Amino acid sequence: MAHRILIPTPLRPFAGKQEFVEVEGRTVGDALQGLVGQYSDLRRHLYNDDGRLRSFVNIYVNDEDIRHLDREQTQLSPATRSASSRRSPEAPAPPSTRLNSRARKCSDTADI
């Protein structure tokens, strides 16, 4: 199932300058692997040399920090899918996966 990931402004140059990226996956980890599979330059910004998410990368699913859920094993339900082209203009967009990345030299938080 496809999920929409919001890319924070500082990382957009590494994701084709896109605000949102659609990826497939059943878990957050699957979705992140799909993301770095499409945009390999993002890998060094999201993961350390050991392959773990960097400590300053925060990931939210439906406004919940995955650190309080099952981390990268957090399941992505159909409710987190991106909007289909058949969605009515009046219908609210479904929730998306949002990554926050705080650069080490910057105190601002940016959405991915």
C-alpha atoms as a PDB file:
ATOM      1  CA  MET A   1       0.000   0.000   0.000  1.00  0.00           C
ATOM      2  CA  ALA A   2       1.281   3.478  -0.811  1.00  0.00           C
ATOM      3  CA  HIS A   3       2.029   5.997   1.932  1.00  0.00           C
ATOM      4  CA  ARG A   4       2.847   9.671   1.682  1.00  0.00           C
ATOM      5  CA  ILE A   5       5.967  10.905   3.473  1.00  0.00           C
ATOM      6  CA  LEU A   6       6.370  14.604   4.135  1.00  0.00           C
ATOM      7  CA  ILE A   7       9.954  15.679   3.411  1.00  0.00           C
ATOM      8  CA  PRO A   8      11.359  18.551   5.528  1.00  0.00           C
ATOM      9  CA  THR A   9      12.626  21.552   3.619  1.00  0.00           C
ATOM     10  CA  PRO A  10      16.351  20.989   4.423  1.00  0.00           C
ATOM     11  CA  LEU A  11      16.178  17.450   2.997  1.00  0.00           C
ATOM     12  CA  ARG A  12      14.196  18.238  -0.155  1.00  0.00           C
ATOM     13  CA  PRO A  13      17.323  18.769  -2.282  1.00  0.00           C
ATOM     14  CA  PHE A  14      18.115  15.087  -1.606  1.00  0.00           C
ATOM     15  CA  ALA A  15      14.572  13.956  -2.528  1.00  0.00           C
ATOM     16  CA  GLY A  16      14.165  15.538  -5.942  1.00  0.00           C
ATOM     17  CA  LYS A  17      13.054  18.826  -4.331  1.00  0.00           C
ATOM     18  CA  GLN A  18       9.703  17.208  -3.516  1.00  0.00           C
ATOM     19  CA  GLU A  19       7.518  18.132  -0.553  1.00  0.00           C
ATOM     20  CA  PHE A  20       5.910  14.672  -0.441  1.00  0.00           C
ATOM     21  CA  VAL A  21       7.126  11.267  -1.614  1.00  0.00           C
ATOM     22  CA  GLU A  22       4.898   8.216  -2.072  1.00  0.00           C
ATOM     23  CA  VAL A  23       6.366   4.890  -0.960  1.00  0.00           C
ATOM     24  CA  GLU A  24       5.127   1.353  -0.439  1.00  0.00           C
ATOM     25  CA  GLY A  25       5.404  -0.512   2.830  1.00  0.00           C
ATOM     26  CA  ARG A  26       3.604  -2.225   5.682  1.00  0.00           C
ATOM     27  CA  THR A  27       5.849  -0.776   8.390  1.00  0.00           C
ATOM     28  CA  VAL A  28       7.708   2.477   8.958  1.00  0.00           C
ATOM     29  CA  GLY A  29      10.959   0.625   8.276  1.00  0.00           C
ATOM     30  CA  ASP A  30       9.627  -0.654   4.940  1.00  0.00           C
ATOM     31  CA  ALA A  31       8.523   2.858   3.992  1.00  0.00           C
ATOM     32  CA  LEU A  32      11.904   4.339   4.928  1.00  0.00           C
ATOM     33  CA  GLN A  33      13.720   1.702   2.908  1.00  0.00           C
ATOM     34  CA  GLY A  34      11.482   2.566  -0.037  1.00  0.00           C
ATOM     35  CA  LEU A  35      12.306   6.232   0.467  1.00  0.00           C
ATOM     36  CA  VAL A  36      16.073   5.754   0.509  1.00  0.00           C
ATOM     37  CA  GLY A  37      15.714   3.270  -2.346  1.00  0.00           C
ATOM     38  CA  GLN A  38      14.230   6.045  -4.482  1.00  0.00           C
ATOM     39  CA  TYR A  39      16.540   8.770  -3.147  1.00  0.00           C
ATOM     40  CA  SER A  40      19.818   7.209  -2.040  1.00  0.00           C
ATOM     41  CA  ASP A  41      21.303  10.580  -1.014  1.00  0.00           C
ATOM     42  CA  LEU A  42      18.817  10.668   1.869  1.00  0.00           C
ATOM     43  CA  ARG A  43      20.366   7.587   3.480  1.00  0.00           C
ATOM     44  CA  ARG A  44      23.340   9.448   4.979  1.00  0.00           C
ATOM     45  CA  HIS A  45      21.018  12.071   6.442  1.00  0.00           C
ATOM     46  CA  LEU A  46      18.626   9.557   8.012  1.00  0.00           C
ATOM     47  CA  TYR A  47      20.896   6.675   9.038  1.00  0.00           C
ATOM     48  CA  ASN A  48      24.258   6.409  10.804  1.00  0.00           C
ATOM     49  CA  ASP A  49      27.100   4.126   9.669  1.00  0.00           C
ATOM     50  CA  ASP A  50      25.591   1.237  11.661  1.00  0.00           C
ATOM     51  CA  GLY A  51      22.331   1.484   9.715  1.00  0.00           C
ATOM     52  CA  ARG A  52      20.351   2.900  12.641  1.00  0.00           C
ATOM     53  CA  LEU A  53      18.187   5.974  12.429  1.00  0.00           C
ATOM     54  CA  ARG A  54      20.136   9.008  13.547  1.00  0.00           C
ATOM     55  CA  SER A  55      19.185  10.245  17.005  1.00  0.00           C
ATOM     56  CA  PHE A  56      17.992  13.613  15.694  1.00  0.00           C
ATOM     57  CA  VAL A  57      15.605  12.078  13.152  1.00  0.00           C
ATOM     58  CA  ASN A  58      12.064  11.942  14.514  1.00  0.00           C
ATOM     59  CA  ILE A  59       9.349  10.023  12.719  1.00  0.00           C
ATOM     60  CA  TYR A  60       5.651  10.539  13.288  1.00  0.00           C
ATOM     61  CA  VAL A  61       2.739   8.449  12.048  1.00  0.00           C
ATOM     62  CA  ASN A  62      -0.568  10.250  12.456  1.00  0.00           C
ATOM     63  CA  ASP A  63       1.140  12.723  14.817  1.00  0.00           C
ATOM     64  CA  GLU A  64       2.461   9.949  17.085  1.00  0.00           C
ATOM     65  CA  ASP A  65       6.205   9.611  17.582  1.00  0.00           C
ATOM     66  CA  ILE A  66       7.222   6.069  16.609  1.00  0.00           C
ATOM     67  CA  ARG A  67       9.531   5.970  19.656  1.00  0.00           C
ATOM     68  CA  HIS A  68       6.333   5.630  21.695  1.00  0.00           C
ATOM     69  CA  LEU A  69       4.982   2.970  19.342  1.00  0.00           C
ATOM     70  CA  ASP A  70       6.982   0.090  17.823  1.00  0.00           C
ATOM     71  CA  ARG A  71       9.736   2.245  16.328  1.00  0.00           C
ATOM     72  CA  GLU A  72      10.590   1.111  12.778  1.00  0.00           C
ATOM     73  CA  GLN A  73       8.328  -1.920  13.214  1.00  0.00           C
ATOM     74  CA  THR A  74       5.308   0.379  13.596  1.00  0.00           C
ATOM     75  CA  GLN A  75       2.602  -0.881  11.285  1.00  0.00           C
ATOM     76  CA  LEU A  76       1.210   1.488   8.670  1.00  0.00           C
ATOM     77  CA  SER A  77      -2.500   0.991   8.251  1.00  0.00           C
ATOM     78  CA  PRO A  78      -4.647   1.881   5.235  1.00  0.00           C
ATOM     79  CA  ALA A  79      -5.668   5.006   7.187  1.00  0.00           C
ATOM     80  CA  THR A  80      -2.132   6.333   6.685  1.00  0.00           C
ATOM     81  CA  ARG A  81      -2.287   5.916   2.910  1.00  0.00           C
ATOM     82  CA  SER A  82      -1.964   8.916   0.722  1.00  0.00           C
ATOM     83  CA  ALA A  83      -5.018  10.398  -0.924  1.00  0.00           C
ATOM     84  CA  SER A  84      -6.116   8.691  -4.107  1.00  0.00           C
ATOM     85  CA  SER A  85      -6.915  10.631  -7.228  1.00  0.00           C
ATOM     86  CA  ARG A  86     -10.577   9.648  -6.764  1.00  0.00           C
ATOM     87  CA  ARG A  87     -10.900  11.405  -3.399  1.00  0.00           C
ATOM     88  CA  SER A  88     -13.557  14.060  -3.404  1.00  0.00           C
ATOM     89  CA  PRO A  89     -12.245  17.638  -3.060  1.00  0.00           C
ATOM     90  CA  GLU A  90     -14.402  18.089   0.068  1.00  0.00           C
ATOM     91  CA  ALA A  91     -12.971  15.034   1.810  1.00  0.00           C
ATOM     92  CA  PRO A  92     -10.056  15.624   4.160  1.00  0.00           C
ATOM     93  CA  ALA A  93      -6.724  14.191   3.120  1.00  0.00           C
ATOM     94  CA  PRO A  94      -5.784  11.057   5.018  1.00  0.00           C
ATOM     95  CA  PRO A  95      -2.958  11.265   7.543  1.00  0.00           C
ATOM     96  CA  SER A  96       0.586  10.896   6.329  1.00  0.00           C
ATOM     97  CA  THR A  97       3.887   9.697   7.702  1.00  0.00           C
ATOM     98  CA  ARG A  98       5.980  12.639   8.786  1.00  0.00           C
ATOM     99  CA  LEU A  99       9.651  12.626   9.535  1.00  0.00           C
ATOM    100  CA  ASN A 100      11.277  15.394  11.526  1.00  0.00           C
ATOM    101  CA  SER A 101      14.966  15.943  11.224  1.00  0.00           C
ATOM    102  CA  ARG A 102      16.803  18.383  13.421  1.00  0.00           C
ATOM    103  CA  ALA A 103      20.198  19.277  12.049  1.00  0.00           C
ATOM    104  CA  ARG A 104      22.990  19.162  14.618  1.00  0.00           C
ATOM    105  CA  LYS A 105      23.928  22.793  14.014  1.00  0.00           C
ATOM    106  CA  CYS A 106      20.379  24.076  13.948  1.00  0.00           C
ATOM    107  CA  SER A 107      17.777  24.144  16.690  1.00  0.00           C
ATOM    108  CA  ASP A 108      14.852  24.211  14.264  1.00  0.00           C
ATOM    109  CA  THR A 109      12.801  21.116  13.549  1.00  0.00           C
ATOM    110  CA  ALA A 110      11.846  20.457   9.964  1.00  0.00           C
ATOM    111  CA  ASP A 111       9.210  18.086   8.632  1.00  0.00           C
ATOM    112  CA  ILE A 112      10.164  15.243   6.305  1.00  0.00           C
END
